Amino acid sequence: MNVLKFVTKNATYHSSMTYDENRKSFNLKPYSKTHTGIYFILNDQDILKIGKADGKQGLKGRISTYRTRLVSNYKKGDPTVILWHKVMMEELSNKILSMYLLPLEPKKIIYKGIEVEAMIARSLEYKLSELAKRQNHSMKLSGQN
């Protein structure tokens, strides 16, 4: 399966995103829905990041972290923020990136007689990330590289 084709066929374009050096963060549109899902950050045809949003605030919470002022975390040495800053100030300086979202509603399953929600965001994000690496996408904004 071609991951880039998967993204363009199944995910929805959310917004462009540019890097704000002073804030150590990105300028992109907010997202109002809290469902869980997967997000994709692209530089043209190159996948830079595939991430999951499976917490309580879902995609809304995850998008907000990309928009939040991160200078204090940068000074404390948060590895993700340092990575973003390094890559965005060097290789991707002044690039306009694209954010895509794939909301994933939890599935109701019966486990040993109890109805529970099954979440697939974590395992799907892992599989897609592995495929993207094998298909030579740079994954430059991914901390797992």
N, C-alpha and C. Protein backbone atom coordinates (compact mmCIF):
# COMPACT_ATOMS: atom_id res chain seq x y z
N MET A 1 0.84 -1.18 0.00
CA MET A 1 0.00 0.00 0.00
C MET A 1 0.89 1.25 0.00
N ASN A 2 0.55 2.20 -0.84
CA ASN A 2 1.25 3.47 -0.91
C ASN A 2 0.65 4.40 0.15
N VAL A 3 1.49 4.81 1.12
CA VAL A 3 1.00 5.63 2.24
C VAL A 3 0.52 6.99 1.77
N LEU A 4 1.22 7.61 0.84
CA LEU A 4 0.81 8.92 0.34
C LEU A 4 -0.57 8.84 -0.30
N LYS A 5 -0.82 7.80 -1.08
CA LYS A 5 -2.14 7.61 -1.68
C LYS A 5 -3.19 7.35 -0.60
N PHE A 6 -2.81 6.61 0.45
CA PHE A 6 -3.72 6.37 1.56
C PHE A 6 -4.15 7.70 2.19
N VAL A 7 -3.18 8.60 2.40
CA VAL A 7 -3.47 9.90 3.01
C VAL A 7 -4.41 10.70 2.13
N THR A 8 -4.08 10.84 0.85
CA THR A 8 -4.89 11.68 -0.03
C THR A 8 -6.28 11.09 -0.28
N LYS A 9 -6.42 9.77 -0.18
CA LYS A 9 -7.72 9.14 -0.39
C LYS A 9 -8.58 9.15 0.87
N ASN A 10 -7.98 8.95 2.04
CA ASN A 10 -8.76 8.73 3.26
C ASN A 10 -8.77 9.89 4.25
N ALA A 11 -7.71 10.67 4.28
CA ALA A 11 -7.65 11.78 5.24
C ALA A 11 -8.19 13.05 4.59
N THR A 12 -8.51 14.00 5.44
CA THR A 12 -9.04 15.29 4.98
C THR A 12 -7.99 16.37 5.17
N TYR A 13 -7.78 17.18 4.15
CA TYR A 13 -6.87 18.31 4.28
C TYR A 13 -7.41 19.24 5.35
N HIS A 14 -6.57 19.58 6.33
CA HIS A 14 -7.00 20.47 7.41
C HIS A 14 -6.57 21.90 7.15
N SER A 15 -5.27 22.12 6.98
CA SER A 15 -4.80 23.49 6.70
C SER A 15 -3.32 23.46 6.36
N SER A 16 -2.85 24.60 5.87
CA SER A 16 -1.42 24.76 5.69
C SER A 16 -0.84 25.09 7.06
N MET A 17 0.46 24.90 7.18
CA MET A 17 1.11 25.24 8.44
C MET A 17 2.51 25.79 8.16
N THR A 18 2.79 26.91 8.80
CA THR A 18 4.11 27.52 8.68
C THR A 18 4.71 27.58 10.08
N TYR A 19 6.02 27.62 10.15
CA TYR A 19 6.71 27.62 11.43
C TYR A 19 6.97 29.04 11.90
N ASP A 20 6.68 29.31 13.16
CA ASP A 20 6.92 30.61 13.76
C ASP A 20 8.15 30.47 14.68
N GLU A 21 9.26 31.00 14.24
CA GLU A 21 10.51 30.84 14.98
C GLU A 21 10.41 31.39 16.40
N ASN A 22 9.78 32.55 16.58
CA ASN A 22 9.70 33.16 17.90
C ASN A 22 8.89 32.33 18.89
N ARG A 23 7.83 31.71 18.42
CA ARG A 23 6.98 30.90 19.29
C ARG A 23 7.46 29.46 19.39
N LYS A 24 8.39 29.05 18.52
CA LYS A 24 8.84 27.67 18.43
C LYS A 24 7.62 26.77 18.23
N SER A 25 6.75 27.19 17.33
CA SER A 25 5.49 26.51 17.11
C SER A 25 5.01 26.76 15.69
N PHE A 26 3.84 26.21 15.37
CA PHE A 26 3.31 26.33 14.02
C PHE A 26 2.07 27.21 13.97
N ASN A 27 1.89 27.87 12.84
CA ASN A 27 0.66 28.61 12.56
C ASN A 27 -0.20 27.69 11.70
N LEU A 28 -1.32 27.27 12.23
CA LEU A 28 -2.27 26.48 11.47
C LEU A 28 -3.65 26.67 12.09
N LYS A 29 -4.67 26.29 11.34
CA LYS A 29 -6.04 26.48 11.81
C LYS A 29 -6.31 25.61 13.03
N PRO A 30 -7.14 26.10 13.96
CA PRO A 30 -7.55 25.24 15.08
C PRO A 30 -8.49 24.15 14.58
N TYR A 31 -8.73 23.18 15.43
CA TYR A 31 -9.66 22.10 15.11
C TYR A 31 -10.61 21.97 16.28
N SER A 32 -11.90 21.90 16.02
CA SER A 32 -12.87 21.97 17.11
C SER A 32 -13.37 20.62 17.61
N LYS A 33 -13.11 19.55 16.88
CA LYS A 33 -13.68 18.25 17.27
C LYS A 33 -12.68 17.43 18.07
N THR A 34 -13.20 16.73 19.08
CA THR A 34 -12.34 16.00 20.00
C THR A 34 -12.20 14.52 19.66
N HIS A 35 -12.74 14.07 18.51
CA HIS A 35 -12.60 12.63 18.28
C HIS A 35 -11.15 12.26 18.05
N THR A 36 -10.86 10.99 18.34
CA THR A 36 -9.52 10.47 18.17
C THR A 36 -9.21 10.32 16.69
N GLY A 37 -7.95 10.12 16.39
CA GLY A 37 -7.58 9.92 15.00
C GLY A 37 -6.10 9.98 14.77
N ILE A 38 -5.76 10.13 13.51
CA ILE A 38 -4.37 10.20 13.07
C ILE A 38 -4.20 11.48 12.26
N TYR A 39 -3.04 12.09 12.39
CA TYR A 39 -2.76 13.28 11.59
C TYR A 39 -1.48 13.05 10.79
N PHE A 40 -1.37 13.78 9.70
CA PHE A 40 -0.25 13.64 8.78
C PHE A 40 0.26 15.04 8.46
N ILE A 41 1.57 15.22 8.51
CA ILE A 41 2.19 16.48 8.12
C ILE A 41 3.04 16.20 6.89
N LEU A 42 2.76 16.95 5.82
CA LEU A 42 3.45 16.73 4.55
C LEU A 42 4.15 17.99 4.07
N ASN A 43 5.28 17.78 3.41
CA ASN A 43 5.96 18.83 2.65
C ASN A 43 5.86 18.37 1.20
N ASP A 44 4.89 18.89 0.49
CA ASP A 44 4.59 18.48 -0.87
C ASP A 44 4.28 16.98 -0.87
N GLN A 45 5.11 16.14 -1.47
CA GLN A 45 4.85 14.70 -1.55
C GLN A 45 5.62 13.90 -0.50
N ASP A 46 6.32 14.58 0.40
CA ASP A 46 7.11 13.92 1.43
C ASP A 46 6.34 13.93 2.76
N ILE A 47 6.16 12.77 3.35
CA ILE A 47 5.51 12.68 4.66
C ILE A 47 6.57 12.95 5.72
N LEU A 48 6.31 13.99 6.52
CA LEU A 48 7.24 14.40 7.57
C LEU A 48 6.88 13.80 8.92
N LYS A 49 5.59 13.56 9.14
CA LYS A 49 5.12 13.08 10.44
C LYS A 49 3.78 12.39 10.28
N ILE A 50 3.65 11.25 10.95
CA ILE A 50 2.36 10.59 11.12
C ILE A 50 2.21 10.45 12.62
N GLY A 51 1.14 11.00 13.15
CA GLY A 51 0.96 10.97 14.59
C GLY A 51 -0.45 10.55 14.97
N LYS A 52 -0.57 10.12 16.21
CA LYS A 52 -1.88 9.71 16.72
C LYS A 52 -2.39 10.74 17.70
N ALA A 53 -3.69 10.80 17.80
CA ALA A 53 -4.35 11.66 18.77
C ALA A 53 -5.42 10.81 19.44
N ASP A 54 -5.00 10.06 20.46
CA ASP A 54 -5.95 9.14 21.08
C ASP A 54 -6.26 9.49 22.53
N GLY A 55 -5.90 10.71 22.92
CA GLY A 55 -6.19 11.16 24.28
C GLY A 55 -7.60 11.71 24.40
N LYS A 56 -7.91 12.21 25.57
CA LYS A 56 -9.26 12.71 25.88
C LYS A 56 -9.70 13.83 24.92
N GLN A 57 -8.79 14.70 24.53
CA GLN A 57 -9.13 15.81 23.63
C GLN A 57 -8.95 15.45 22.16
N GLY A 58 -8.46 14.25 21.87
CA GLY A 58 -8.36 13.78 20.49
C GLY A 58 -7.59 14.72 19.59
N LEU A 59 -8.07 14.84 18.36
CA LEU A 59 -7.40 15.68 17.36
C LEU A 59 -7.38 17.15 17.78
N LYS A 60 -8.44 17.61 18.42
CA LYS A 60 -8.47 19.01 18.89
C LYS A 60 -7.29 19.29 19.81
N GLY A 61 -7.06 18.41 20.77
CA GLY A 61 -5.96 18.59 21.71
C GLY A 61 -4.60 18.51 21.04
N ARG A 62 -4.47 17.59 20.11
CA ARG A 62 -3.18 17.42 19.44
C ARG A 62 -2.85 18.62 18.56
N ILE A 63 -3.84 19.10 17.81
CA ILE A 63 -3.62 20.28 16.96
C ILE A 63 -3.25 21.48 17.83
N SER A 64 -3.90 21.60 18.99
CA SER A 64 -3.61 22.75 19.85
C SER A 64 -2.16 22.73 20.34
N THR A 65 -1.56 21.54 20.52
CA THR A 65 -0.16 21.52 20.97
C THR A 65 0.77 22.03 19.88
N TYR A 66 0.41 21.84 18.63
CA TYR A 66 1.24 22.38 17.55
C TYR A 66 1.10 23.90 17.45
N ARG A 67 -0.01 24.44 17.97
CA ARG A 67 -0.27 25.88 17.88
C ARG A 67 0.17 26.63 19.14
N THR A 68 0.46 25.92 20.22
CA THR A 68 0.76 26.53 21.51
C THR A 68 2.16 27.11 21.54
N ARG A 69 2.30 28.18 22.27
CA ARG A 69 3.62 28.77 22.46
C ARG A 69 4.49 27.77 23.21
N LEU A 70 5.60 27.35 22.61
CA LEU A 70 6.41 26.28 23.18
C LEU A 70 7.79 26.73 23.64
N VAL A 71 8.00 28.02 23.80
CA VAL A 71 9.32 28.51 24.16
C VAL A 71 9.77 27.94 25.50
N SER A 72 8.87 27.87 26.49
CA SER A 72 9.28 27.36 27.80
C SER A 72 9.70 25.90 27.70
N ASN A 73 8.98 25.09 26.92
CA ASN A 73 9.38 23.70 26.74
C ASN A 73 10.69 23.59 25.98
N TYR A 74 10.90 24.50 25.04
CA TYR A 74 12.14 24.49 24.26
C TYR A 74 13.34 24.70 25.19
N LYS A 75 13.21 25.65 26.09
CA LYS A 75 14.31 25.94 27.01
C LYS A 75 14.58 24.79 27.96
N LYS A 76 13.54 24.02 28.30
CA LYS A 76 13.71 22.88 29.19
C LYS A 76 14.27 21.67 28.46
N GLY A 77 14.36 21.75 27.15
CA GLY A 77 14.96 20.66 26.40
C GLY A 77 13.99 19.59 25.95
N ASP A 78 12.71 19.93 25.72
CA ASP A 78 11.76 18.95 25.21
C ASP A 78 12.25 18.46 23.86
N PRO A 79 12.52 17.14 23.70
CA PRO A 79 13.12 16.63 22.47
C PRO A 79 12.29 16.89 21.21
N THR A 80 10.98 16.81 21.31
CA THR A 80 10.13 17.04 20.14
C THR A 80 10.22 18.48 19.68
N VAL A 81 10.14 19.41 20.62
CA VAL A 81 10.20 20.83 20.29
C VAL A 81 11.57 21.19 19.72
N ILE A 82 12.63 20.64 20.29
CA ILE A 82 13.98 20.89 19.77
C ILE A 82 14.10 20.35 18.35
N LEU A 83 13.56 19.15 18.11
CA LEU A 83 13.58 18.57 16.77
C LEU A 83 12.85 19.46 15.78
N TRP A 84 11.61 19.87 16.12
CA TRP A 84 10.84 20.75 15.22
C TRP A 84 11.64 21.99 14.89
N HIS A 85 12.17 22.63 15.93
CA HIS A 85 12.89 23.89 15.72
C HIS A 85 14.10 23.67 14.80
N LYS A 86 14.89 22.64 15.07
CA LYS A 86 16.08 22.37 14.28
C LYS A 86 15.71 22.13 12.81
N VAL A 87 14.76 21.24 12.57
CA VAL A 87 14.38 20.89 11.20
C VAL A 87 13.73 22.07 10.49
N MET A 88 12.85 22.79 11.19
CA MET A 88 12.13 23.90 10.55
C MET A 88 13.04 25.10 10.30
N MET A 89 14.10 25.25 11.05
CA MET A 89 15.02 26.38 10.84
C MET A 89 16.12 26.03 9.84
N GLU A 90 16.30 24.74 9.57
CA GLU A 90 17.35 24.34 8.63
C GLU A 90 16.73 23.83 7.34
N GLU A 91 16.51 22.53 7.24
CA GLU A 91 16.07 21.91 5.99
C GLU A 91 14.72 22.42 5.48
N LEU A 92 13.81 22.75 6.40
CA LEU A 92 12.47 23.16 5.97
C LEU A 92 12.20 24.65 6.20
N SER A 93 13.25 25.42 6.26
CA SER A 93 13.10 26.86 6.50
C SER A 93 12.18 27.49 5.45
N ASN A 94 11.20 28.23 5.93
CA ASN A 94 10.23 28.97 5.10
C ASN A 94 9.33 28.09 4.23
N LYS A 95 9.21 26.82 4.55
CA LYS A 95 8.34 25.92 3.79
C LYS A 95 6.91 26.01 4.33
N ILE A 96 5.97 25.87 3.43
CA ILE A 96 4.56 25.78 3.82
C ILE A 96 4.19 24.31 3.78
N LEU A 97 3.88 23.77 4.95
CA LEU A 97 3.54 22.36 5.08
C LEU A 97 2.03 22.18 5.02
N SER A 98 1.60 20.93 4.92
CA SER A 98 0.16 20.61 4.88
C SER A 98 -0.17 19.63 5.99
N MET A 99 -1.29 19.90 6.67
CA MET A 99 -1.79 19.01 7.73
C MET A 99 -3.05 18.32 7.23
N TYR A 100 -3.07 17.01 7.35
CA TYR A 100 -4.24 16.19 7.01
C TYR A 100 -4.70 15.47 8.27
N LEU A 101 -6.01 15.26 8.39
CA LEU A 101 -6.58 14.59 9.55
C LEU A 101 -7.42 13.40 9.13
N LEU A 102 -7.34 12.34 9.92
CA LEU A 102 -8.14 11.15 9.71
C LEU A 102 -8.83 10.83 11.04
N PRO A 103 -10.05 11.37 11.26
CA PRO A 103 -10.77 11.05 12.48
C PRO A 103 -11.13 9.56 12.50
N LEU A 104 -11.01 8.97 13.68
CA LEU A 104 -11.33 7.55 13.85
C LEU A 104 -12.26 7.40 15.05
N GLU A 105 -13.48 7.06 14.78
CA GLU A 105 -14.43 6.84 15.86
C GLU A 105 -14.12 5.51 16.54
N PRO A 106 -14.21 5.46 17.87
CA PRO A 106 -14.00 4.18 18.55
C PRO A 106 -15.07 3.17 18.15
N LYS A 107 -14.68 1.93 18.08
CA LYS A 107 -15.61 0.84 17.76
C LYS A 107 -16.06 0.19 19.05
N LYS A 108 -17.32 -0.12 19.14
CA LYS A 108 -17.84 -0.85 20.30
C LYS A 108 -17.64 -2.34 20.04
N ILE A 109 -16.99 -3.00 20.99
CA ILE A 109 -16.81 -4.44 20.90
C ILE A 109 -17.22 -5.07 22.24
N ILE A 110 -17.47 -6.34 22.20
CA ILE A 110 -17.78 -7.08 23.42
C ILE A 110 -16.53 -7.86 23.80
N TYR A 111 -16.03 -7.58 24.99
CA TYR A 111 -14.87 -8.29 25.51
C TYR A 111 -15.27 -9.00 26.79
N LYS A 112 -15.29 -10.34 26.73
CA LYS A 112 -15.67 -11.18 27.87
C LYS A 112 -16.99 -10.73 28.48
N GLY A 113 -17.93 -10.42 27.59
CA GLY A 113 -19.28 -10.06 28.02
C GLY A 113 -19.47 -8.60 28.38
N ILE A 114 -18.42 -7.77 28.23
CA ILE A 114 -18.51 -6.35 28.59
C ILE A 114 -18.32 -5.52 27.33
N GLU A 115 -19.23 -4.57 27.10
CA GLU A 115 -19.08 -3.69 25.95
C GLU A 115 -18.04 -2.62 26.26
N VAL A 116 -17.01 -2.52 25.41
CA VAL A 116 -15.95 -1.53 25.57
C VAL A 116 -15.68 -0.85 24.23
N GLU A 117 -14.96 0.26 24.28
CA GLU A 117 -14.53 0.94 23.06
C GLU A 117 -13.16 0.44 22.66
N ALA A 118 -13.01 0.09 21.40
CA ALA A 118 -11.71 -0.33 20.86
C ALA A 118 -11.16 0.81 20.03
N MET A 119 -9.93 1.20 20.31
CA MET A 119 -9.29 2.30 19.61
C MET A 119 -8.24 1.73 18.65
N ILE A 120 -8.24 2.19 17.41
CA ILE A 120 -7.26 1.69 16.44
C ILE A 120 -6.19 2.73 16.09
N ALA A 121 -6.31 3.94 16.62
CA ALA A 121 -5.38 5.01 16.24
C ALA A 121 -3.93 4.63 16.48
N ARG A 122 -3.63 4.08 17.64
CA ARG A 122 -2.24 3.76 17.99
C ARG A 122 -1.64 2.73 17.03
N SER A 123 -2.35 1.63 16.79
CA SER A 123 -1.78 0.59 15.93
C SER A 123 -1.75 1.01 14.46
N LEU A 124 -2.76 1.77 14.01
CA LEU A 124 -2.77 2.24 12.63
C LEU A 124 -1.65 3.26 12.40
N GLU A 125 -1.44 4.15 13.35
CA GLU A 125 -0.35 5.14 13.24
C GLU A 125 0.99 4.42 13.16
N TYR A 126 1.18 3.40 13.96
CA TYR A 126 2.43 2.65 13.96
C TYR A 126 2.67 1.98 12.60
N LYS A 127 1.65 1.31 12.09
CA LYS A 127 1.78 0.61 10.80
C LYS A 127 2.04 1.59 9.66
N LEU A 128 1.30 2.70 9.63
CA LEU A 128 1.49 3.69 8.57
C LEU A 128 2.87 4.34 8.65
N SER A 129 3.36 4.58 9.86
CA SER A 129 4.70 5.16 10.03
C SER A 129 5.77 4.22 9.51
N GLU A 130 5.64 2.95 9.84
CA GLU A 130 6.60 1.95 9.35
C GLU A 130 6.58 1.88 7.83
N LEU A 131 5.39 1.88 7.24
CA LEU A 131 5.28 1.86 5.78
C LEU A 131 5.90 3.11 5.16
N ALA A 132 5.64 4.26 5.75
CA ALA A 132 6.18 5.52 5.22
C ALA A 132 7.70 5.50 5.22
N LYS A 133 8.30 4.98 6.28
CA LYS A 133 9.77 4.88 6.33
C LYS A 133 10.28 3.95 5.23
N ARG A 134 9.61 2.81 5.06
CA ARG A 134 10.04 1.86 4.03
C ARG A 134 9.86 2.43 2.63
N GLN A 135 8.92 3.36 2.47
CA GLN A 135 8.67 3.97 1.16
C GLN A 135 9.49 5.25 0.99
N ASN A 136 10.49 5.42 1.82
CA ASN A 136 11.48 6.50 1.71
C ASN A 136 10.95 7.90 1.96
N HIS A 137 9.89 8.03 2.76
CA HIS A 137 9.47 9.35 3.21
C HIS A 137 10.44 9.76 4.33
N SER A 138 10.77 11.02 4.41
CA SER A 138 11.80 11.46 5.34
C SER A 138 11.39 11.34 6.81
N MET A 139 10.12 11.55 7.12
CA MET A 139 9.62 11.51 8.50
C MET A 139 10.47 12.43 9.39
N LYS A 140 10.89 13.57 8.85
CA LYS A 140 11.80 14.49 9.53
C LYS A 140 11.25 15.07 10.83
N LEU A 141 9.95 15.15 10.97
CA LEU A 141 9.37 15.70 12.20
C LEU A 141 8.94 14.61 13.18
N SER A 142 9.36 13.39 12.90
CA SER A 142 9.00 12.27 13.76
C SER A 142 10.12 11.99 14.74
N GLY A 143 9.80 11.97 16.01
CA GLY A 143 10.80 11.70 17.04
C GLY A 143 11.28 10.26 17.05
N GLN A 144 10.59 9.35 16.35
CA GLN A 144 10.98 7.95 16.33
C GLN A 144 12.10 7.65 15.35
N ASN A 145 12.52 8.61 14.57
CA ASN A 145 13.59 8.35 13.59
C ASN A 145 14.93 8.24 14.27
